[in-house]
Amino acid sequence: MTSQLRKVSGFEIRSVMLFAAISLGSVTAMAQAPSAAPQPTFGGGSAAGVQSAPAPAAPAGGANEVQAAFDRADTNRDGKLGKKEAEALPAVSSNFAQIDADKNGSLSRDEFSKAVQPR
């Protein structure tokens, strides 16, 4: 059995590395691991809820990713997240009371979006 060696161009190497980086970045973002993904910042426990500064322009698809995360967590498809549903998103679950601006015990799509938008 003979092995054949093939010279690989720099372009091919860069292409494979770029593809791997994009794929790894997608997997990391979807995993929502506390140490791997940037966590949303929340207000210092103020009664008004989440303190937000103007966010820089989100990368293309950022709003779509937020909405997709909300849709995945909204298992009963009622358009809001209860505490049980929020447990699927650790950063949201641990700050549920701060994110729930109207204090009705559930997170609307708007409350969720404001809290998890990339900063």
PDB file of N, CA and C in Angstrom:
ATOM      1  N   MET A   1       0.843  -1.166   0.000  1.00  0.00           N
ATOM      2  CA  MET A   1       0.000   0.000   0.000  1.00  0.00           C
ATOM      3  C   MET A   1       0.893   1.236   0.000  1.00  0.00           C
ATOM      4  N   THR A   2       0.696   2.096  -0.931  1.00  0.00           N
ATOM      5  CA  THR A   2       1.512   3.294  -1.030  1.00  0.00           C
ATOM      6  C   THR A   2       0.692   4.505  -0.636  1.00  0.00           C
ATOM      7  N   SER A   3       1.367   5.414  -0.022  1.00  0.00           N
ATOM      8  CA  SER A   3       0.667   6.664   0.342  1.00  0.00           C
ATOM      9  C   SER A   3       1.063   7.737  -0.656  1.00  0.00           C
ATOM     10  N   GLN A   4       0.113   8.554  -0.961  1.00  0.00           N
ATOM     11  CA  GLN A   4       0.379   9.629  -1.894  1.00  0.00           C
ATOM     12  C   GLN A   4       0.377  10.939  -1.125  1.00  0.00           C
ATOM     13  N   LEU A   5       1.421  11.694  -1.284  1.00  0.00           N
ATOM     14  CA  LEU A   5       1.503  13.000  -0.653  1.00  0.00           C
ATOM     15  C   LEU A   5       1.127  14.052  -1.680  1.00  0.00           C
ATOM     16  N   ARG A   6       0.354  14.991  -1.243  1.00  0.00           N
ATOM     17  CA  ARG A   6      -0.083  16.051  -2.136  1.00  0.00           C
ATOM     18  C   ARG A   6       0.279  17.376  -1.503  1.00  0.00           C
ATOM     19  N   LYS A   7       0.841  18.245  -2.258  1.00  0.00           N
ATOM     20  CA  LYS A   7       1.191  19.563  -1.741  1.00  0.00           C
ATOM     21  C   LYS A   7      -0.090  20.372  -1.593  1.00  0.00           C
ATOM     22  N   VAL A   8      -0.268  20.974  -0.416  1.00  0.00           N
ATOM     23  CA  VAL A   8      -1.465  21.754  -0.118  1.00  0.00           C
ATOM     24  C   VAL A   8      -1.084  23.229  -0.183  1.00  0.00           C
ATOM     25  N   SER A   9      -1.873  23.984  -0.913  1.00  0.00           N
ATOM     26  CA  SER A   9      -1.560  25.405  -1.070  1.00  0.00           C
ATOM     27  C   SER A   9      -1.939  26.184   0.185  1.00  0.00           C
ATOM     28  N   GLY A  10      -1.345  27.334   0.334  1.00  0.00           N
ATOM     29  CA  GLY A  10      -1.654  28.221   1.459  1.00  0.00           C
ATOM     30  C   GLY A  10      -3.115  28.632   1.462  1.00  0.00           C
ATOM     31  N   PHE A  11      -3.673  28.822   0.276  1.00  0.00           N
ATOM     32  CA  PHE A  11      -5.082  29.189   0.171  1.00  0.00           C
ATOM     33  C   PHE A  11      -5.975  28.108   0.756  1.00  0.00           C
ATOM     34  N   GLU A  12      -5.666  26.861   0.437  1.00  0.00           N
ATOM     35  CA  GLU A  12      -6.469  25.749   0.956  1.00  0.00           C
ATOM     36  C   GLU A  12      -6.356  25.663   2.478  1.00  0.00           C
ATOM     37  N   ILE A  13      -5.171  25.858   2.997  1.00  0.00           N
ATOM     38  CA  ILE A  13      -4.974  25.814   4.449  1.00  0.00           C
ATOM     39  C   ILE A  13      -5.763  26.930   5.117  1.00  0.00           C
ATOM     40  N   ARG A  14      -5.668  28.145   4.581  1.00  0.00           N
ATOM     41  CA  ARG A  14      -6.407  29.275   5.162  1.00  0.00           C
ATOM     42  C   ARG A  14      -7.906  29.053   5.075  1.00  0.00           C
ATOM     43  N   SER A  15      -8.371  28.475   3.979  1.00  0.00           N
ATOM     44  CA  SER A  15      -9.798  28.206   3.813  1.00  0.00           C
ATOM     45  C   SER A  15     -10.298  27.213   4.860  1.00  0.00           C
ATOM     46  N   VAL A  16      -9.552  26.159   5.074  1.00  0.00           N
ATOM     47  CA  VAL A  16      -9.940  25.158   6.067  1.00  0.00           C
ATOM     48  C   VAL A  16      -9.909  25.770   7.469  1.00  0.00           C
ATOM     49  N   MET A  17      -8.902  26.561   7.774  1.00  0.00           N
ATOM     50  CA  MET A  17      -8.809  27.204   9.092  1.00  0.00           C
ATOM     51  C   MET A  17      -9.963  28.171   9.305  1.00  0.00           C
ATOM     52  N   LEU A  18     -10.314  28.930   8.293  1.00  0.00           N
ATOM     53  CA  LEU A  18     -11.433  29.864   8.400  1.00  0.00           C
ATOM     54  C   LEU A  18     -12.736  29.104   8.632  1.00  0.00           C
ATOM     55  N   PHE A  19     -12.960  28.057   7.883  1.00  0.00           N
ATOM     56  CA  PHE A  19     -14.159  27.242   8.050  1.00  0.00           C
ATOM     57  C   PHE A  19     -14.212  26.658   9.456  1.00  0.00           C
ATOM     58  N   ALA A  20     -13.092  26.160   9.947  1.00  0.00           N
ATOM     59  CA  ALA A  20     -13.049  25.578  11.300  1.00  0.00           C
ATOM     60  C   ALA A  20     -13.346  26.641  12.354  1.00  0.00           C
ATOM     61  N   ALA A  21     -12.795  27.839  12.186  1.00  0.00           N
ATOM     62  CA  ALA A  21     -13.038  28.916  13.152  1.00  0.00           C
ATOM     63  C   ALA A  21     -14.503  29.332  13.163  1.00  0.00           C
ATOM     64  N   ILE A  22     -15.095  29.436  11.997  1.00  0.00           N
ATOM     65  CA  ILE A  22     -16.512  29.806  11.910  1.00  0.00           C
ATOM     66  C   ILE A  22     -17.371  28.715  12.538  1.00  0.00           C
ATOM     67  N   SER A  23     -17.071  27.471  12.241  1.00  0.00           N
ATOM     68  CA  SER A  23     -17.844  26.359  12.802  1.00  0.00           C
ATOM     69  C   SER A  23     -17.711  26.306  14.308  1.00  0.00           C
ATOM     70  N   LEU A  24     -16.509  26.462  14.812  1.00  0.00           N
ATOM     71  CA  LEU A  24     -16.283  26.426  16.257  1.00  0.00           C
ATOM     72  C   LEU A  24     -16.981  27.593  16.939  1.00  0.00           C
ATOM     73  N   GLY A  25     -16.946  28.755  16.314  1.00  0.00           N
ATOM     74  CA  GLY A  25     -17.637  29.912  16.881  1.00  0.00           C
ATOM     75  C   GLY A  25     -19.131  29.696  16.946  1.00  0.00           C
ATOM     76  N   SER A  26     -19.709  29.075  15.942  1.00  0.00           N
ATOM     77  CA  SER A  26     -21.144  28.787  15.930  1.00  0.00           C
ATOM     78  C   SER A  26     -21.513  27.810  17.031  1.00  0.00           C
ATOM     79  N   VAL A  27     -20.712  26.769  17.185  1.00  0.00           N
ATOM     80  CA  VAL A  27     -20.981  25.763  18.205  1.00  0.00           C
ATOM     81  C   VAL A  27     -20.869  26.389  19.589  1.00  0.00           C
ATOM     82  N   THR A  28     -19.871  27.210  19.806  1.00  0.00           N
ATOM     83  CA  THR A  28     -19.686  27.854  21.098  1.00  0.00           C
ATOM     84  C   THR A  28     -20.855  28.766  21.419  1.00  0.00           C
ATOM     85  N   ALA A  29     -21.317  29.527  20.444  1.00  0.00           N
ATOM     86  CA  ALA A  29     -22.439  30.427  20.680  1.00  0.00           C
ATOM     87  C   ALA A  29     -23.710  29.652  20.982  1.00  0.00           C
ATOM     88  N   MET A  30     -23.913  28.540  20.331  1.00  0.00           N
ATOM     89  CA  MET A  30     -25.123  27.757  20.529  1.00  0.00           C
ATOM     90  C   MET A  30     -25.092  26.994  21.851  1.00  0.00           C
ATOM     91  N   ALA A  31     -23.912  26.672  22.344  1.00  0.00           N
ATOM     92  CA  ALA A  31     -23.812  25.893  23.577  1.00  0.00           C
ATOM     93  C   ALA A  31     -24.226  26.702  24.798  1.00  0.00           C
ATOM     94  N   GLN A  32     -24.106  27.998  24.750  1.00  0.00           N
ATOM     95  CA  GLN A  32     -24.459  28.903  25.830  1.00  0.00           C
ATOM     96  C   GLN A  32     -23.765  28.537  27.130  1.00  0.00           C
ATOM     97  N   ALA A  33     -22.550  28.070  27.027  1.00  0.00           N
ATOM     98  CA  ALA A  33     -21.788  27.739  28.219  1.00  0.00           C
ATOM     99  C   ALA A  33     -21.371  29.031  28.908  1.00  0.00           C
ATOM    100  N   PRO A  34     -21.533  29.125  30.222  1.00  0.00           N
ATOM    101  CA  PRO A  34     -21.212  30.366  30.926  1.00  0.00           C
ATOM    102  C   PRO A  34     -19.779  30.830  30.728  1.00  0.00           C
ATOM    103  N   SER A  35     -18.823  29.902  30.655  1.00  0.00           N
ATOM    104  CA  SER A  35     -17.441  30.331  30.501  1.00  0.00           C
ATOM    105  C   SER A  35     -17.038  30.546  29.045  1.00  0.00           C
ATOM    106  N   ALA A  36     -17.823  30.051  28.094  1.00  0.00           N
ATOM    107  CA  ALA A  36     -17.441  30.139  26.695  1.00  0.00           C
ATOM    108  C   ALA A  36     -18.068  31.325  25.968  1.00  0.00           C
ATOM    109  N   ALA A  37     -19.260  31.718  26.350  1.00  0.00           N
ATOM    110  CA  ALA A  37     -19.957  32.788  25.646  1.00  0.00           C
ATOM    111  C   ALA A  37     -20.032  34.024  26.518  1.00  0.00           C
ATOM    112  N   PRO A  38     -19.955  35.214  25.924  1.00  0.00           N
ATOM    113  CA  PRO A  38     -20.078  36.416  26.730  1.00  0.00           C
ATOM    114  C   PRO A  38     -21.471  36.470  27.356  1.00  0.00           C
ATOM    115  N   GLN A  39     -21.509  36.844  28.627  1.00  0.00           N
ATOM    116  CA  GLN A  39     -22.767  36.898  29.340  1.00  0.00           C
ATOM    117  C   GLN A  39     -23.337  38.303  29.280  1.00  0.00           C
ATOM    118  N   PRO A  40     -24.658  38.421  29.227  1.00  0.00           N
ATOM    119  CA  PRO A  40     -25.262  39.746  29.238  1.00  0.00           C
ATOM    120  C   PRO A  40     -25.000  40.415  30.580  1.00  0.00           C
ATOM    121  N   THR A  41     -24.897  41.731  30.561  1.00  0.00           N
ATOM    122  CA  THR A  41     -24.700  42.457  31.803  1.00  0.00           C
ATOM    123  C   THR A  41     -26.032  42.984  32.274  1.00  0.00           C
ATOM    124  N   PHE A  42     -26.254  42.893  33.568  1.00  0.00           N
ATOM    125  CA  PHE A  42     -27.517  43.292  34.134  1.00  0.00           C
ATOM    126  C   PHE A  42     -27.289  44.398  35.143  1.00  0.00           C
ATOM    127  N   GLY A  43     -28.337  45.162  35.421  1.00  0.00           N
ATOM    128  CA  GLY A  43     -28.263  46.257  36.376  1.00  0.00           C
ATOM    129  C   GLY A  43     -27.918  45.753  37.756  1.00  0.00           C
ATOM    130  N   GLY A  44     -27.455  46.629  38.592  1.00  0.00           N
ATOM    131  CA  GLY A  44     -27.033  46.279  39.937  1.00  0.00           C
ATOM    132  C   GLY A  44     -28.197  46.075  40.880  1.00  0.00           C
ATOM    133  N   GLY A  45     -29.218  45.339  40.499  1.00  0.00           N
ATOM    134  CA  GLY A  45     -30.325  45.025  41.371  1.00  0.00           C
ATOM    135  C   GLY A  45     -31.303  46.180  41.532  1.00  0.00           C
ATOM    136  N   SER A  46     -31.331  47.104  40.618  1.00  0.00           N
ATOM    137  CA  SER A  46     -32.229  48.237  40.749  1.00  0.00           C
ATOM    138  C   SER A  46     -33.664  47.799  40.542  1.00  0.00           C
ATOM    139  N   ALA A  47     -34.587  48.520  41.150  1.00  0.00           N
ATOM    140  CA  ALA A  47     -36.001  48.174  41.052  1.00  0.00           C
ATOM    141  C   ALA A  47     -36.515  48.372  39.637  1.00  0.00           C
ATOM    142  N   ALA A  48     -35.858  49.215  38.867  1.00  0.00           N
ATOM    143  CA  ALA A  48     -36.313  49.495  37.507  1.00  0.00           C
ATOM    144  C   ALA A  48     -36.009  48.352  36.557  1.00  0.00           C
ATOM    145  N   GLY A  49     -35.207  47.378  36.978  1.00  0.00           N
ATOM    146  CA  GLY A  49     -34.900  46.247  36.101  1.00  0.00           C
ATOM    147  C   GLY A  49     -33.528  46.381  35.486  1.00  0.00           C
ATOM    148  N   VAL A  50     -33.425  46.069  34.242  1.00  0.00           N
ATOM    149  CA  VAL A  50     -32.150  46.025  33.554  1.00  0.00           C
ATOM    150  C   VAL A  50     -31.697  47.421  33.186  1.00  0.00           C
ATOM    151  N   GLN A  51     -30.445  47.733  33.523  1.00  0.00           N
ATOM    152  CA  GLN A  51     -29.859  48.992  33.082  1.00  0.00           C
ATOM    153  C   GLN A  51     -29.160  48.698  31.775  1.00  0.00           C
ATOM    154  N   SER A  52     -29.443  49.497  30.766  1.00  0.00           N
ATOM    155  CA  SER A  52     -28.796  49.208  29.497  1.00  0.00           C
ATOM    156  C   SER A  52     -28.186  50.462  28.919  1.00  0.00           C
ATOM    157  N   ALA A  53     -27.008  50.268  28.370  1.00  0.00           N
ATOM    158  CA  ALA A  53     -26.334  51.329  27.646  1.00  0.00           C
ATOM    159  C   ALA A  53     -26.565  51.057  26.173  1.00  0.00           C
ATOM    160  N   PRO A  54     -26.421  52.058  25.337  1.00  0.00           N
ATOM    161  CA  PRO A  54     -26.588  51.794  23.905  1.00  0.00           C
ATOM    162  C   PRO A  54     -25.623  50.702  23.463  1.00  0.00           C
ATOM    163  N   ALA A  55     -26.160  49.694  22.846  1.00  0.00           N
ATOM    164  CA  ALA A  55     -25.339  48.571  22.402  1.00  0.00           C
ATOM    165  C   ALA A  55     -24.700  48.899  21.063  1.00  0.00           C
ATOM    166  N   PRO A  56     -23.472  48.436  20.855  1.00  0.00           N
ATOM    167  CA  PRO A  56     -22.871  48.620  19.542  1.00  0.00           C
ATOM    168  C   PRO A  56     -23.647  47.806  18.524  1.00  0.00           C
ATOM    169  N   ALA A  57     -23.439  48.122  17.286  1.00  0.00           N
ATOM    170  CA  ALA A  57     -24.155  47.409  16.225  1.00  0.00           C
ATOM    171  C   ALA A  57     -23.889  45.916  16.348  1.00  0.00           C
ATOM    172  N   ALA A  58     -24.947  45.145  16.383  1.00  0.00           N
ATOM    173  CA  ALA A  58     -24.819  43.698  16.511  1.00  0.00           C
ATOM    174  C   ALA A  58     -24.375  43.119  15.173  1.00  0.00           C
ATOM    175  N   PRO A  59     -23.629  42.020  15.217  1.00  0.00           N
ATOM    176  CA  PRO A  59     -23.243  41.396  13.961  1.00  0.00           C
ATOM    177  C   PRO A  59     -24.482  40.917  13.218  1.00  0.00           C
ATOM    178  N   ALA A  60     -24.337  40.767  11.922  1.00  0.00           N
ATOM    179  CA  ALA A  60     -25.466  40.323  11.106  1.00  0.00           C
ATOM    180  C   ALA A  60     -26.033  39.040  11.673  1.00  0.00           C
ATOM    181  N   GLY A  61     -27.348  39.001  11.825  1.00  0.00           N
ATOM    182  CA  GLY A  61     -27.987  37.811  12.360  1.00  0.00           C
ATOM    183  C   GLY A  61     -28.068  37.789  13.872  1.00  0.00           C
ATOM    184  N   GLY A  62     -27.523  38.782  14.581  1.00  0.00           N
ATOM    185  CA  GLY A  62     -27.530  38.802  16.035  1.00  0.00           C
ATOM    186  C   GLY A  62     -28.933  38.793  16.582  1.00  0.00           C
ATOM    187  N   ALA A  63     -29.810  39.628  16.047  1.00  0.00           N
ATOM    188  CA  ALA A  63     -31.195  39.673  16.498  1.00  0.00           C
ATOM    189  C   ALA A  63     -31.897  38.360  16.183  1.00  0.00           C
ATOM    190  N   ASN A  64     -31.570  37.774  15.055  1.00  0.00           N
ATOM    191  CA  ASN A  64     -32.163  36.485  14.697  1.00  0.00           C
ATOM    192  C   ASN A  64     -31.735  35.391  15.660  1.00  0.00           C
ATOM    193  N   GLU A  65     -30.481  35.433  16.106  1.00  0.00           N
ATOM    194  CA  GLU A  65     -29.993  34.439  17.060  1.00  0.00           C
ATOM    195  C   GLU A  65     -30.708  34.586  18.396  1.00  0.00           C
ATOM    196  N   VAL A  66     -30.951  35.822  18.818  1.00  0.00           N
ATOM    197  CA  VAL A  66     -31.662  36.073  20.072  1.00  0.00           C
ATOM    198  C   VAL A  66     -33.084  35.529  19.974  1.00  0.00           C
ATOM    199  N   GLN A  67     -33.743  35.815  18.867  1.00  0.00           N
ATOM    200  CA  GLN A  67     -35.116  35.335  18.682  1.00  0.00           C
ATOM    201  C   GLN A  67     -35.162  33.807  18.599  1.00  0.00           C
ATOM    202  N   ALA A  68     -34.164  33.207  17.956  1.00  0.00           N
ATOM    203  CA  ALA A  68     -34.112  31.750  17.862  1.00  0.00           C
ATOM    204  C   ALA A  68     -33.915  31.133  19.246  1.00  0.00           C
ATOM    205  N   ALA A  69     -33.075  31.752  20.077  1.00  0.00           N
ATOM    206  CA  ALA A  69     -32.874  31.258  21.444  1.00  0.00           C
ATOM    207  C   ALA A  69     -34.175  31.343  22.235  1.00  0.00           C
ATOM    208  N   PHE A  70     -34.897  32.448  22.081  1.00  0.00           N
ATOM    209  CA  PHE A  70     -36.190  32.606  22.764  1.00  0.00           C
ATOM    210  C   PHE A  70     -37.149  31.510  22.298  1.00  0.00           C
ATOM    211  N   ASP A  71     -37.219  31.298  20.996  1.00  0.00           N
ATOM    212  CA  ASP A  71     -38.132  30.288  20.449  1.00  0.00           C
ATOM    213  C   ASP A  71     -37.790  28.879  20.938  1.00  0.00           C
ATOM    214  N   ARG A  72     -36.491  28.560  21.044  1.00  0.00           N
ATOM    215  CA  ARG A  72     -36.092  27.241  21.545  1.00  0.00           C
ATOM    216  C   ARG A  72     -36.492  27.077  23.010  1.00  0.00           C
ATOM    217  N   ALA A  73     -36.344  28.127  23.791  1.00  0.00           N
ATOM    218  CA  ALA A  73     -36.664  28.045  25.221  1.00  0.00           C
ATOM    219  C   ALA A  73     -38.172  28.053  25.465  1.00  0.00           C
ATOM    220  N   ASP A  74     -38.948  28.673  24.597  1.00  0.00           N
ATOM    221  CA  ASP A  74     -40.409  28.769  24.754  1.00  0.00           C
ATOM    222  C   ASP A  74     -41.044  27.448  24.321  1.00  0.00           C
ATOM    223  N   THR A  75     -40.937  26.449  25.182  1.00  0.00           N
ATOM    224  CA  THR A  75     -41.367  25.101  24.815  1.00  0.00           C
ATOM    225  C   THR A  75     -42.872  24.962  24.653  1.00  0.00           C
ATOM    226  N   ASN A  76     -43.665  25.764  25.373  1.00  0.00           N
ATOM    227  CA  ASN A  76     -45.119  25.646  25.222  1.00  0.00           C
ATOM    228  C   ASN A  76     -45.676  26.614  24.176  1.00  0.00           C
ATOM    229  N   ARG A  77     -44.792  27.368  23.533  1.00  0.00           N
ATOM    230  CA  ARG A  77     -45.136  28.261  22.416  1.00  0.00           C
ATOM    231  C   ARG A  77     -46.222  29.277  22.760  1.00  0.00           C
ATOM    232  N   ASP A  78     -46.166  29.822  23.998  1.00  0.00           N
ATOM    233  CA  ASP A  78     -47.150  30.832  24.378  1.00  0.00           C
ATOM    234  C   ASP A  78     -46.632  32.261  24.193  1.00  0.00           C
ATOM    235  N   GLY A  79     -45.411  32.406  23.675  1.00  0.00           N
ATOM    236  CA  GLY A  79     -44.862  33.721  23.407  1.00  0.00           C
ATOM    237  C   GLY A  79     -44.215  34.391  24.606  1.00  0.00           C
ATOM    238  N   LYS A  80     -44.032  33.646  25.698  1.00  0.00           N
ATOM    239  CA  LYS A  80     -43.346  34.179  26.874  1.00  0.00           C
ATOM    240  C   LYS A  80     -42.610  33.046  27.559  1.00  0.00           C
ATOM    241  N   LEU A  81     -41.612  33.407  28.367  1.00  0.00           N
ATOM    242  CA  LEU A  81     -40.827  32.404  29.073  1.00  0.00           C
ATOM    243  C   LEU A  81     -41.163  32.439  30.551  1.00  0.00           C
ATOM    244  N   GLY A  82     -41.591  31.302  31.068  1.00  0.00           N
ATOM    245  CA  GLY A  82     -41.777  31.166  32.504  1.00  0.00           C
ATOM    246  C   GLY A  82     -40.454  30.793  33.141  1.00  0.00           C
ATOM    247  N   LYS A  83     -40.440  30.715  34.482  1.00  0.00           N
ATOM    248  CA  LYS A  83     -39.193  30.381  35.181  1.00  0.00           C
ATOM    249  C   LYS A  83     -38.673  29.006  34.769  1.00  0.00           C
ATOM    250  N   LYS A  84     -39.555  28.039  34.588  1.00  0.00           N
ATOM    251  CA  LYS A  84     -39.132  26.691  34.191  1.00  0.00           C
ATOM    252  C   LYS A  84     -38.488  26.706  32.807  1.00  0.00           C
ATOM    253  N   GLU A  85     -39.095  27.420  31.879  1.00  0.00           N
ATOM    254  CA  GLU A  85     -38.544  27.489  30.527  1.00  0.00           C
ATOM    255  C   GLU A  85     -37.209  28.225  30.526  1.00  0.00           C
ATOM    256  N   ALA A  86     -37.079  29.236  31.363  1.00  0.00           N
ATOM    257  CA  ALA A  86     -35.841  30.025  31.416  1.00  0.00           C
ATOM    258  C   ALA A  86     -34.674  29.207  31.950  1.00  0.00           C
ATOM    259  N   GLU A  87     -34.946  28.109  32.643  1.00  0.00           N
ATOM    260  CA  GLU A  87     -33.864  27.274  33.167  1.00  0.00           C
ATOM    261  C   GLU A  87     -32.996  26.694  32.049  1.00  0.00           C
ATOM    262  N   ALA A  88     -33.511  26.648  30.829  1.00  0.00           N
ATOM    263  CA  ALA A  88     -32.728  26.160  29.695  1.00  0.00           C
ATOM    264  C   ALA A  88     -31.610  27.135  29.329  1.00  0.00           C
ATOM    265  N   LEU A  89     -31.707  28.377  29.805  1.00  0.00           N
ATOM    266  CA  LEU A  89     -30.717  29.415  29.529  1.00  0.00           C
ATOM    267  C   LEU A  89     -30.157  29.900  30.864  1.00  0.00           C
ATOM    268  N   PRO A  90     -29.021  29.356  31.308  1.00  0.00           N
ATOM    269  CA  PRO A  90     -28.505  29.652  32.645  1.00  0.00           C
ATOM    270  C   PRO A  90     -28.333  31.146  32.953  1.00  0.00           C
ATOM    271  N   ALA A  91     -27.845  31.931  32.015  1.00  0.00           N
ATOM    272  CA  ALA A  91     -27.644  33.359  32.275  1.00  0.00           C
ATOM    273  C   ALA A  91     -28.972  34.075  32.478  1.00  0.00           C
ATOM    274  N   VAL A  92     -29.988  33.646  31.773  1.00  0.00           N
ATOM    275  CA  VAL A  92     -31.310  34.249  31.912  1.00  0.00           C
ATOM    276  C   VAL A  92     -31.951  33.771  33.213  1.00  0.00           C
ATOM    277  N   SER A  93     -31.859  32.487  33.490  1.00  0.00           N
ATOM    278  CA  SER A  93     -32.469  31.918  34.683  1.00  0.00           C
ATOM    279  C   SER A  93     -31.915  32.540  35.960  1.00  0.00           C
ATOM    280  N   SER A  94     -30.597  32.733  36.008  1.00  0.00           N
ATOM    281  CA  SER A  94     -29.985  33.273  37.220  1.00  0.00           C
ATOM    282  C   SER A  94     -30.304  34.752  37.428  1.00  0.00           C
ATOM    283  N   ASN A  95     -30.772  35.433  36.406  1.00  0.00           N
ATOM    284  CA  ASN A  95     -31.115  36.857  36.512  1.00  0.00           C
ATOM    285  C   ASN A  95     -32.582  37.113  36.170  1.00  0.00           C
ATOM    286  N   PHE A  96     -33.417  36.102  36.345  1.00  0.00           N
ATOM    287  CA  PHE A  96     -34.813  36.171  35.925  1.00  0.00           C
ATOM    288  C   PHE A  96     -35.534  37.373  36.539  1.00  0.00           C
ATOM    289  N   ALA A  97     -35.358  37.598  37.839  1.00  0.00           N
ATOM    290  CA  ALA A  97     -36.071  38.684  38.521  1.00  0.00           C
ATOM    291  C   ALA A  97     -35.678  40.055  37.963  1.00  0.00           C
ATOM    292  N   GLN A  98     -34.400  40.243  37.613  1.00  0.00           N
ATOM    293  CA  GLN A  98     -33.962  41.525  37.053  1.00  0.00           C
ATOM    294  C   GLN A  98     -34.473  41.722  35.636  1.00  0.00           C
ATOM    295  N   ILE A  99     -34.562  40.651  34.879  1.00  0.00           N
ATOM    296  CA  ILE A  99     -34.994  40.749  33.483  1.00  0.00           C
ATOM    297  C   ILE A  99     -36.499  40.981  33.395  1.00  0.00           C
ATOM    298  N   ASP A 100     -37.255  40.408  34.338  1.00  0.00           N
ATOM    299  CA  ASP A 100     -38.715  40.530  34.346  1.00  0.00           C
ATOM    300  C   ASP A 100     -39.098  41.940  34.781  1.00  0.00           C
ATOM    301  N   ALA A 101     -39.015  42.885  33.852  1.00  0.00           N
ATOM    302  CA  ALA A 101     -39.215  44.308  34.163  1.00  0.00           C
ATOM    303  C   ALA A 101     -40.613  44.609  34.688  1.00  0.00           C
ATOM    304  N   ASP A 102     -41.640  43.945  34.171  1.00  0.00           N
ATOM    305  CA  ASP A 102     -43.003  44.235  34.627  1.00  0.00           C
ATOM    306  C   ASP A 102     -43.434  43.347  35.796  1.00  0.00           C
ATOM    307  N   LYS A 103     -42.527  42.503  36.276  1.00  0.00           N
ATOM    308  CA  LYS A 103     -42.739  41.657  37.459  1.00  0.00           C
ATOM    309  C   LYS A 103     -44.006  40.812  37.380  1.00  0.00           C
ATOM    310  N   ASN A 104     -44.290  40.256  36.183  1.00  0.00           N
ATOM    311  CA  ASN A 104     -45.478  39.417  36.034  1.00  0.00           C
ATOM    312  C   ASN A 104     -45.158  37.922  36.100  1.00  0.00           C
ATOM    313  N   GLY A 105     -43.897  37.566  36.383  1.00  0.00           N
ATOM    314  CA  GLY A 105     -43.517  36.163  36.517  1.00  0.00           C
ATOM    315  C   GLY A 105     -43.158  35.474  35.224  1.00  0.00           C
ATOM    316  N   SER A 106     -43.145  36.220  34.137  1.00  0.00           N
ATOM    317  CA  SER A 106     -42.723  35.642  32.856  1.00  0.00           C
ATOM    318  C   SER A 106     -41.991  36.709  32.058  1.00  0.00           C
ATOM    319  N   LEU A 107     -41.192  36.242  31.099  1.00  0.00           N
ATOM    320  CA  LEU A 107     -40.415  37.157  30.260  1.00  0.00           C
ATOM    321  C   LEU A 107     -41.055  37.259  28.893  1.00  0.00           C
ATOM    322  N   SER A 108     -41.359  38.479  28.500  1.00  0.00           N
ATOM    323  CA  SER A 108     -41.866  38.694  27.144  1.00  0.00           C
ATOM    324  C   SER A 108     -40.690  38.634  26.176  1.00  0.00           C
ATOM    325  N   ARG A 109     -40.987  38.543  24.913  1.00  0.00           N
ATOM    326  CA  ARG A 109     -39.947  38.543  23.886  1.00  0.00           C
ATOM    327  C   ARG A 109     -39.120  39.828  23.970  1.00  0.00           C
ATOM    328  N   ASP A 110     -39.782  40.951  24.240  1.00  0.00           N
ATOM    329  CA  ASP A 110     -39.102  42.246  24.335  1.00  0.00           C
ATOM    330  C   ASP A 110     -38.168  42.290  25.542  1.00  0.00           C
ATOM    331  N   GLU A 111     -38.636  41.836  26.708  1.00  0.00           N
ATOM    332  CA  GLU A 111     -37.784  41.812  27.905  1.00  0.00           C
ATOM    333  C   GLU A 111     -36.571  40.932  27.665  1.00  0.00           C
ATOM    334  N   PHE A 112     -36.783  39.774  27.065  1.00  0.00           N
ATOM    335  CA  PHE A 112     -35.705  38.841  26.780  1.00  0.00           C
ATOM    336  C   PHE A 112     -34.686  39.473  25.839  1.00  0.00           C
ATOM    337  N   SER A 113     -35.178  40.091  24.760  1.00  0.00           N
ATOM    338  CA  SER A 113     -34.286  40.700  23.765  1.00  0.00           C
ATOM    339  C   SER A 113     -33.430  41.797  24.367  1.00  0.00           C
ATOM    340  N   LYS A 114     -34.037  42.647  25.191  1.00  0.00           N
ATOM    341  CA  LYS A 114     -33.288  43.739  25.822  1.00  0.00           C
ATOM    342  C   LYS A 114     -32.193  43.201  26.733  1.00  0.00           C
ATOM    343  N   ALA A 115     -32.476  42.107  27.407  1.00  0.00           N
ATOM    344  CA  ALA A 115     -31.518  41.566  28.373  1.00  0.00           C
ATOM    345  C   ALA A 115     -30.346  40.851  27.727  1.00  0.00           C
ATOM    346  N   VAL A 116     -30.548  40.185  26.608  1.00  0.00           N
ATOM    347  CA  VAL A 116     -29.491  39.342  26.058  1.00  0.00           C
ATOM    348  C   VAL A 116     -28.837  39.902  24.806  1.00  0.00           C
ATOM    349  N   GLN A 117     -29.178  41.095  24.400  1.00  0.00           N
ATOM    350  CA  GLN A 117     -28.514  41.681  23.229  1.00  0.00           C
ATOM    351  C   GLN A 117     -27.030  41.799  23.495  1.00  0.00           C
ATOM    352  N   PRO A 118     -26.186  41.425  22.535  1.00  0.00           N
ATOM    353  CA  PRO A 118     -24.737  41.561  22.705  1.00  0.00           C
ATOM    354  C   PRO A 118     -24.362  43.009  22.964  1.00  0.00           C
ATOM    355  N   ARG A 119     -23.435  43.206  23.842  1.00  0.00           N
ATOM    356  CA  ARG A 119     -22.992  44.554  24.214  1.00  0.00           C
ATOM    357  C   ARG A 119     -21.643  44.842  23.622  1.00  0.00           C
TER     358      ARG A 119
END
